[in-house]
């Protein structure tokens, strides 16, 4: 999650909503991503989407069954759908997104075999998000 926070800081520094993601396979980071929706002028350029594409390219496969995603903010519905289709093994997210997070979907939009873990380094992720939106309002 520390590496995901570093990715989120890159987004913050570029004026993007500070969300970062990494994908791990066999205890090795194989993909990284951070929000780039403004930079790429692409509403789908979320940290998770960039990391999923990078991991699939690295592995040469579309399924990420044995992989773990570490992301600083609960994935949105779009990212949740992509994670479903990738069949990612685990999702670890730092802080919840009560407005747009995929965890509130009923039934779940995530793959039934995907394991979910929440709260790792939540305070650090929340601080970065809060600082970003505070700076935006100033």
N, C-alpha and C. Protein backbone atom coordinates (compact mmCIF):
# COMPACT_ATOMS: atom_id res chain seq x y z
N UNK A 1 0.83 -1.20 0.00
CA UNK A 1 0.00 0.00 0.00
C UNK A 1 0.87 1.26 0.00
N UNK A 2 2.07 1.13 0.56
CA UNK A 2 2.98 2.29 0.53
C UNK A 2 3.29 2.72 -0.90
N UNK A 3 3.48 1.77 -1.79
CA UNK A 3 3.75 2.12 -3.19
C UNK A 3 2.52 2.74 -3.84
N UNK A 4 1.34 2.27 -3.48
CA UNK A 4 0.11 2.87 -4.00
C UNK A 4 -0.01 4.32 -3.53
N UNK A 5 0.38 4.58 -2.28
CA UNK A 5 0.37 5.96 -1.78
C UNK A 5 1.37 6.84 -2.55
N UNK A 6 2.51 6.27 -2.92
CA UNK A 6 3.47 7.03 -3.74
C UNK A 6 2.85 7.38 -5.09
N UNK A 7 2.14 6.43 -5.68
CA UNK A 7 1.46 6.69 -6.94
C UNK A 7 0.41 7.78 -6.77
N UNK A 8 -0.32 7.74 -5.66
CA UNK A 8 -1.34 8.76 -5.38
C UNK A 8 -0.69 10.14 -5.25
N UNK A 9 0.49 10.19 -4.67
CA UNK A 9 1.20 11.46 -4.54
C UNK A 9 1.57 12.02 -5.92
N UNK A 10 1.94 11.14 -6.86
CA UNK A 10 2.21 11.59 -8.23
C UNK A 10 0.97 12.26 -8.81
N UNK A 11 -0.18 11.64 -8.59
CA UNK A 11 -1.44 12.22 -9.08
C UNK A 11 -1.67 13.58 -8.44
N UNK A 12 -1.50 13.66 -7.13
CA UNK A 12 -1.66 14.92 -6.40
C UNK A 12 -0.77 16.01 -7.00
N UNK A 13 0.49 15.67 -7.21
CA UNK A 13 1.47 16.62 -7.73
C UNK A 13 1.12 17.11 -9.13
N UNK A 14 0.38 16.29 -9.89
CA UNK A 14 -0.03 16.66 -11.24
C UNK A 14 -1.43 17.28 -11.29
N UNK A 15 -2.03 17.51 -10.11
CA UNK A 15 -3.35 18.12 -10.07
C UNK A 15 -4.49 17.15 -10.34
N UNK A 16 -4.21 15.87 -10.24
CA UNK A 16 -5.23 14.83 -10.41
C UNK A 16 -5.75 14.41 -9.04
N UNK A 17 -6.96 13.87 -9.00
CA UNK A 17 -7.45 13.32 -7.75
C UNK A 17 -6.45 12.25 -7.31
N UNK A 18 -5.94 12.35 -6.08
CA UNK A 18 -4.83 11.49 -5.67
C UNK A 18 -5.24 10.07 -5.31
N UNK A 19 -5.30 9.25 -6.33
CA UNK A 19 -5.55 7.82 -6.15
C UNK A 19 -4.42 7.08 -6.86
N UNK A 20 -3.86 6.13 -6.14
CA UNK A 20 -2.79 5.32 -6.71
C UNK A 20 -3.09 3.85 -6.55
N UNK A 21 -2.54 3.04 -7.44
CA UNK A 21 -2.79 1.61 -7.42
C UNK A 21 -1.55 0.85 -7.85
N UNK A 22 -1.38 -0.33 -7.26
CA UNK A 22 -0.34 -1.26 -7.72
C UNK A 22 -0.96 -2.66 -7.75
N UNK A 23 -0.44 -3.48 -8.64
CA UNK A 23 -0.86 -4.87 -8.71
C UNK A 23 0.36 -5.73 -8.46
N UNK A 24 0.17 -6.71 -7.58
CA UNK A 24 1.24 -7.59 -7.13
C UNK A 24 0.94 -9.03 -7.58
N UNK A 25 1.97 -9.69 -8.08
CA UNK A 25 1.88 -11.11 -8.42
C UNK A 25 3.11 -11.79 -7.85
N UNK A 26 2.90 -12.84 -7.10
CA UNK A 26 4.00 -13.60 -6.49
C UNK A 26 4.93 -12.68 -5.70
N UNK A 27 4.32 -11.80 -4.89
CA UNK A 27 5.04 -10.87 -4.02
C UNK A 27 5.93 -9.88 -4.77
N UNK A 28 5.57 -9.59 -6.01
CA UNK A 28 6.34 -8.65 -6.84
C UNK A 28 5.38 -7.67 -7.50
N UNK A 29 5.69 -6.40 -7.44
CA UNK A 29 4.86 -5.40 -8.12
C UNK A 29 5.05 -5.56 -9.62
N UNK A 30 3.94 -5.81 -10.32
CA UNK A 30 4.02 -5.98 -11.77
C UNK A 30 3.37 -4.83 -12.52
N UNK A 31 2.62 -3.98 -11.80
CA UNK A 31 1.94 -2.86 -12.47
C UNK A 31 1.68 -1.74 -11.47
N UNK A 32 1.73 -0.52 -11.98
CA UNK A 32 1.45 0.67 -11.17
C UNK A 32 0.55 1.59 -11.97
N UNK A 33 -0.19 2.40 -11.25
CA UNK A 33 -1.02 3.39 -11.93
C UNK A 33 -1.46 4.47 -10.97
N UNK A 34 -1.75 5.63 -11.52
CA UNK A 34 -2.36 6.71 -10.74
C UNK A 34 -3.33 7.44 -11.65
N UNK A 35 -4.26 8.15 -11.04
CA UNK A 35 -5.28 8.84 -11.82
C UNK A 35 -4.64 9.78 -12.83
N UNK A 36 -5.09 9.71 -14.07
CA UNK A 36 -4.58 10.57 -15.14
C UNK A 36 -5.72 11.06 -16.04
N UNK A 37 -6.89 11.25 -15.46
CA UNK A 37 -8.05 11.64 -16.27
C UNK A 37 -7.87 13.02 -16.90
N UNK A 38 -7.26 13.95 -16.18
CA UNK A 38 -7.03 15.30 -16.73
C UNK A 38 -5.91 15.28 -17.76
N UNK A 39 -4.82 14.64 -17.41
CA UNK A 39 -3.65 14.59 -18.29
C UNK A 39 -3.99 13.95 -19.64
N UNK A 40 -4.75 12.84 -19.59
CA UNK A 40 -5.07 12.10 -20.81
C UNK A 40 -6.42 12.51 -21.41
N UNK A 41 -7.13 13.40 -20.72
CA UNK A 41 -8.46 13.81 -21.17
C UNK A 41 -9.33 12.57 -21.42
N UNK A 42 -9.33 11.68 -20.43
CA UNK A 42 -9.97 10.37 -20.56
C UNK A 42 -10.62 10.01 -19.23
N UNK A 43 -11.94 9.96 -19.20
CA UNK A 43 -12.65 9.67 -17.95
C UNK A 43 -12.38 8.25 -17.44
N UNK A 44 -11.86 7.38 -18.27
CA UNK A 44 -11.56 6.01 -17.83
C UNK A 44 -10.14 5.85 -17.31
N UNK A 45 -9.34 6.90 -17.29
CA UNK A 45 -7.93 6.81 -16.90
C UNK A 45 -7.77 6.84 -15.37
N UNK A 46 -8.51 5.95 -14.70
CA UNK A 46 -8.38 5.81 -13.25
C UNK A 46 -7.16 4.96 -12.94
N UNK A 47 -6.64 5.11 -11.74
CA UNK A 47 -5.45 4.37 -11.31
C UNK A 47 -5.60 2.87 -11.52
N UNK A 48 -6.77 2.34 -11.14
CA UNK A 48 -7.00 0.90 -11.25
C UNK A 48 -7.01 0.45 -12.70
N UNK A 49 -7.64 1.22 -13.57
CA UNK A 49 -7.74 0.85 -14.99
C UNK A 49 -6.34 0.81 -15.62
N UNK A 50 -5.53 1.80 -15.30
CA UNK A 50 -4.17 1.85 -15.83
C UNK A 50 -3.36 0.65 -15.31
N UNK A 51 -3.52 0.35 -14.02
CA UNK A 51 -2.79 -0.78 -13.44
C UNK A 51 -3.27 -2.12 -14.01
N UNK A 52 -4.58 -2.27 -14.21
CA UNK A 52 -5.11 -3.52 -14.77
C UNK A 52 -4.52 -3.76 -16.17
N UNK A 53 -4.55 -2.73 -17.00
CA UNK A 53 -4.01 -2.85 -18.36
C UNK A 53 -2.53 -3.19 -18.33
N UNK A 54 -1.79 -2.51 -17.47
CA UNK A 54 -0.36 -2.76 -17.37
C UNK A 54 -0.07 -4.19 -16.89
N UNK A 55 -0.84 -4.66 -15.90
CA UNK A 55 -0.64 -6.02 -15.39
C UNK A 55 -0.96 -7.06 -16.45
N UNK A 56 -2.04 -6.85 -17.17
CA UNK A 56 -2.41 -7.80 -18.23
C UNK A 56 -1.33 -7.85 -19.31
N UNK A 57 -0.79 -6.69 -19.66
CA UNK A 57 0.29 -6.66 -20.65
C UNK A 57 1.54 -7.36 -20.12
N UNK A 58 1.85 -7.13 -18.85
CA UNK A 58 3.02 -7.77 -18.24
C UNK A 58 2.89 -9.29 -18.26
N UNK A 59 1.71 -9.77 -17.87
CA UNK A 59 1.49 -11.22 -17.77
C UNK A 59 1.19 -11.87 -19.12
N UNK A 60 0.77 -11.05 -20.09
CA UNK A 60 0.35 -11.61 -21.37
C UNK A 60 -0.95 -12.37 -21.25
N UNK A 61 -1.79 -11.96 -20.31
CA UNK A 61 -3.06 -12.63 -20.05
C UNK A 61 -4.08 -11.61 -19.56
N UNK A 62 -5.35 -11.85 -19.86
CA UNK A 62 -6.38 -10.90 -19.43
C UNK A 62 -6.89 -11.15 -18.02
N UNK A 63 -6.65 -12.34 -17.48
CA UNK A 63 -7.13 -12.66 -16.14
C UNK A 63 -6.02 -12.47 -15.12
N UNK A 64 -6.39 -11.88 -13.99
CA UNK A 64 -5.43 -11.58 -12.92
C UNK A 64 -5.78 -12.37 -11.66
N UNK A 65 -6.11 -13.61 -11.84
CA UNK A 65 -6.64 -14.46 -10.77
C UNK A 65 -5.69 -14.54 -9.58
N UNK A 66 -4.41 -14.65 -9.82
CA UNK A 66 -3.43 -14.81 -8.74
C UNK A 66 -2.80 -13.49 -8.32
N UNK A 67 -3.45 -12.39 -8.66
CA UNK A 67 -2.89 -11.07 -8.37
C UNK A 67 -3.65 -10.37 -7.26
N UNK A 68 -2.97 -9.38 -6.67
CA UNK A 68 -3.56 -8.54 -5.62
C UNK A 68 -3.47 -7.09 -6.06
N UNK A 69 -4.58 -6.38 -5.92
CA UNK A 69 -4.61 -4.95 -6.19
C UNK A 69 -4.53 -4.22 -4.87
N UNK A 70 -3.64 -3.24 -4.78
CA UNK A 70 -3.56 -2.33 -3.64
C UNK A 70 -3.90 -0.95 -4.18
N UNK A 71 -4.95 -0.34 -3.65
CA UNK A 71 -5.41 0.95 -4.15
C UNK A 71 -5.78 1.85 -2.97
N UNK A 72 -5.51 3.13 -3.10
CA UNK A 72 -5.68 4.04 -1.98
C UNK A 72 -7.13 4.44 -1.72
N UNK A 73 -8.01 4.23 -2.68
CA UNK A 73 -9.42 4.57 -2.53
C UNK A 73 -10.26 3.41 -3.07
N UNK A 74 -11.34 3.11 -2.38
CA UNK A 74 -12.26 2.06 -2.83
C UNK A 74 -12.58 2.26 -4.31
N UNK A 75 -12.48 1.22 -5.13
CA UNK A 75 -12.76 1.37 -6.56
C UNK A 75 -14.20 1.84 -6.82
N UNK A 76 -14.34 2.62 -7.88
CA UNK A 76 -15.67 3.06 -8.31
C UNK A 76 -16.37 1.92 -9.05
N UNK A 77 -17.59 2.17 -9.47
CA UNK A 77 -18.35 1.13 -10.18
C UNK A 77 -17.66 0.69 -11.48
N UNK A 78 -17.13 1.66 -12.23
CA UNK A 78 -16.45 1.33 -13.49
C UNK A 78 -15.25 0.43 -13.21
N UNK A 79 -14.43 0.81 -12.25
CA UNK A 79 -13.24 0.02 -11.93
C UNK A 79 -13.63 -1.32 -11.33
N UNK A 80 -14.68 -1.33 -10.53
CA UNK A 80 -15.19 -2.58 -9.99
C UNK A 80 -15.58 -3.55 -11.09
N UNK A 81 -16.23 -3.04 -12.13
CA UNK A 81 -16.60 -3.88 -13.28
C UNK A 81 -15.37 -4.43 -13.98
N UNK A 82 -14.37 -3.59 -14.17
CA UNK A 82 -13.13 -4.06 -14.81
C UNK A 82 -12.43 -5.10 -13.94
N UNK A 83 -12.47 -4.89 -12.63
CA UNK A 83 -11.86 -5.86 -11.72
C UNK A 83 -12.63 -7.18 -11.74
N UNK A 84 -13.95 -7.11 -11.90
CA UNK A 84 -14.74 -8.33 -12.05
C UNK A 84 -14.26 -9.11 -13.26
N UNK A 85 -14.18 -8.42 -14.41
CA UNK A 85 -13.81 -9.11 -15.65
C UNK A 85 -12.37 -9.62 -15.62
N UNK A 86 -11.51 -8.95 -14.87
CA UNK A 86 -10.11 -9.43 -14.76
C UNK A 86 -10.00 -10.61 -13.80
N UNK A 87 -11.04 -10.83 -13.01
CA UNK A 87 -11.06 -11.90 -12.01
C UNK A 87 -9.90 -11.78 -11.01
N UNK A 88 -9.60 -10.53 -10.64
CA UNK A 88 -8.50 -10.30 -9.70
C UNK A 88 -8.71 -11.10 -8.41
N UNK A 89 -7.64 -11.62 -7.86
CA UNK A 89 -7.73 -12.48 -6.69
C UNK A 89 -8.07 -11.74 -5.41
N UNK A 90 -7.43 -10.58 -5.19
CA UNK A 90 -7.65 -9.81 -3.98
C UNK A 90 -7.66 -8.32 -4.30
N UNK A 91 -8.46 -7.59 -3.53
CA UNK A 91 -8.47 -6.13 -3.58
C UNK A 91 -8.23 -5.63 -2.17
N UNK A 92 -7.21 -4.81 -2.01
CA UNK A 92 -6.90 -4.16 -0.75
C UNK A 92 -7.05 -2.66 -1.00
N UNK A 93 -8.00 -2.02 -0.32
CA UNK A 93 -8.13 -0.59 -0.49
C UNK A 93 -7.98 0.12 0.85
N UNK A 94 -7.41 1.32 0.79
CA UNK A 94 -7.11 2.06 2.01
C UNK A 94 -8.37 2.66 2.62
N UNK A 95 -9.05 3.51 1.87
CA UNK A 95 -10.19 4.22 2.42
C UNK A 95 -11.42 4.03 1.55
N UNK A 96 -12.57 4.12 2.17
CA UNK A 96 -13.84 3.93 1.47
C UNK A 96 -14.24 5.17 0.69
N UNK A 97 -15.05 4.96 -0.32
CA UNK A 97 -15.65 6.05 -1.09
C UNK A 97 -17.17 5.92 -0.93
N UNK A 98 -17.73 6.61 0.07
CA UNK A 98 -19.16 6.45 0.37
C UNK A 98 -20.09 6.92 -0.75
N UNK A 99 -19.60 7.78 -1.63
CA UNK A 99 -20.46 8.30 -2.71
C UNK A 99 -20.42 7.43 -3.97
N UNK A 100 -19.23 6.98 -4.36
CA UNK A 100 -19.09 6.31 -5.64
C UNK A 100 -18.44 4.93 -5.58
N UNK A 101 -18.21 4.42 -4.38
CA UNK A 101 -17.53 3.15 -4.23
C UNK A 101 -18.37 1.96 -4.66
N UNK A 102 -17.69 0.95 -5.16
CA UNK A 102 -18.38 -0.23 -5.67
C UNK A 102 -18.84 -1.18 -4.58
N UNK A 103 -18.38 -1.01 -3.36
CA UNK A 103 -18.72 -1.95 -2.30
C UNK A 103 -20.19 -1.87 -1.89
N UNK A 104 -20.86 -0.78 -2.20
CA UNK A 104 -22.26 -0.66 -1.80
C UNK A 104 -23.22 -1.29 -2.81
N UNK A 105 -22.71 -1.75 -3.92
CA UNK A 105 -23.56 -2.36 -4.95
C UNK A 105 -24.16 -3.66 -4.43
N UNK A 106 -25.43 -3.83 -4.64
CA UNK A 106 -26.12 -5.07 -4.27
C UNK A 106 -26.87 -5.59 -5.48
N UNK A 107 -26.60 -6.75 -5.97
CA UNK A 107 -25.54 -7.64 -5.49
C UNK A 107 -24.17 -7.08 -5.86
N UNK A 108 -23.15 -7.65 -5.27
CA UNK A 108 -21.79 -7.18 -5.51
C UNK A 108 -21.46 -7.25 -7.00
N UNK A 109 -20.73 -6.23 -7.48
CA UNK A 109 -20.29 -6.26 -8.88
C UNK A 109 -18.91 -6.90 -9.02
N UNK A 110 -18.31 -7.29 -7.90
CA UNK A 110 -16.99 -7.92 -7.95
C UNK A 110 -17.14 -9.42 -8.15
N UNK A 111 -16.10 -10.04 -8.66
CA UNK A 111 -16.11 -11.48 -8.88
C UNK A 111 -16.31 -12.18 -7.54
N UNK A 112 -17.14 -13.22 -7.50
CA UNK A 112 -17.42 -13.89 -6.22
C UNK A 112 -16.19 -14.51 -5.54
N UNK A 113 -15.15 -14.80 -6.29
CA UNK A 113 -13.95 -15.38 -5.69
C UNK A 113 -12.95 -14.32 -5.22
N UNK A 114 -13.18 -13.05 -5.56
CA UNK A 114 -12.28 -11.98 -5.16
C UNK A 114 -12.40 -11.71 -3.67
N UNK A 115 -11.27 -11.68 -2.98
CA UNK A 115 -11.24 -11.37 -1.55
C UNK A 115 -11.02 -9.87 -1.39
N UNK A 116 -11.73 -9.28 -0.42
CA UNK A 116 -11.67 -7.83 -0.21
C UNK A 116 -11.09 -7.53 1.18
N UNK A 117 -10.18 -6.56 1.23
CA UNK A 117 -9.59 -6.10 2.48
C UNK A 117 -9.61 -4.57 2.47
N UNK A 118 -10.04 -3.98 3.56
CA UNK A 118 -10.17 -2.51 3.62
C UNK A 118 -9.45 -1.95 4.84
N UNK A 119 -8.97 -0.72 4.71
CA UNK A 119 -8.45 0.02 5.85
C UNK A 119 -6.96 0.13 5.98
N UNK A 120 -6.19 -0.55 5.15
CA UNK A 120 -4.73 -0.47 5.25
C UNK A 120 -4.25 0.93 4.88
N UNK A 121 -3.59 1.59 5.80
CA UNK A 121 -3.09 2.97 5.63
C UNK A 121 -4.21 3.95 5.26
N UNK A 122 -5.38 3.74 5.83
CA UNK A 122 -6.54 4.57 5.53
C UNK A 122 -6.31 6.04 5.90
N UNK A 123 -5.70 6.29 7.05
CA UNK A 123 -5.49 7.69 7.47
C UNK A 123 -4.60 8.44 6.50
N UNK A 124 -3.56 7.79 6.03
CA UNK A 124 -2.65 8.45 5.08
C UNK A 124 -3.36 8.75 3.76
N UNK A 125 -4.16 7.81 3.29
CA UNK A 125 -4.89 8.01 2.03
C UNK A 125 -5.93 9.12 2.19
N UNK A 126 -6.64 9.12 3.30
CA UNK A 126 -7.65 10.15 3.56
C UNK A 126 -7.02 11.53 3.66
N UNK A 127 -5.88 11.62 4.31
CA UNK A 127 -5.18 12.90 4.45
C UNK A 127 -4.81 13.47 3.08
N UNK A 128 -4.29 12.63 2.22
CA UNK A 128 -3.91 13.06 0.88
C UNK A 128 -5.14 13.55 0.10
N UNK A 129 -6.23 12.80 0.17
CA UNK A 129 -7.47 13.21 -0.51
C UNK A 129 -8.01 14.52 0.07
N UNK A 130 -8.05 14.61 1.40
CA UNK A 130 -8.56 15.83 2.04
C UNK A 130 -7.71 17.04 1.68
N UNK A 131 -6.38 16.89 1.68
CA UNK A 131 -5.50 17.99 1.30
C UNK A 131 -5.72 18.42 -0.14
N UNK A 132 -5.96 17.46 -1.02
CA UNK A 132 -6.20 17.76 -2.42
C UNK A 132 -7.46 18.61 -2.58
N UNK A 133 -8.56 18.17 -1.96
CA UNK A 133 -9.82 18.89 -2.13
C UNK A 133 -9.81 20.23 -1.39
N UNK A 134 -9.07 20.30 -0.29
CA UNK A 134 -8.90 21.59 0.41
C UNK A 134 -8.16 22.57 -0.48
N UNK A 135 -7.09 22.11 -1.10
CA UNK A 135 -6.28 22.94 -2.02
C UNK A 135 -7.13 23.38 -3.22
N UNK A 136 -7.99 22.50 -3.70
CA UNK A 136 -8.86 22.81 -4.83
C UNK A 136 -9.84 23.93 -4.49
N UNK A 137 -10.34 23.93 -3.26
CA UNK A 137 -11.32 24.94 -2.84
C UNK A 137 -10.69 26.29 -2.59
N UNK A 138 -9.38 26.34 -2.34
CA UNK A 138 -8.70 27.61 -2.02
C UNK A 138 -8.47 28.47 -3.23
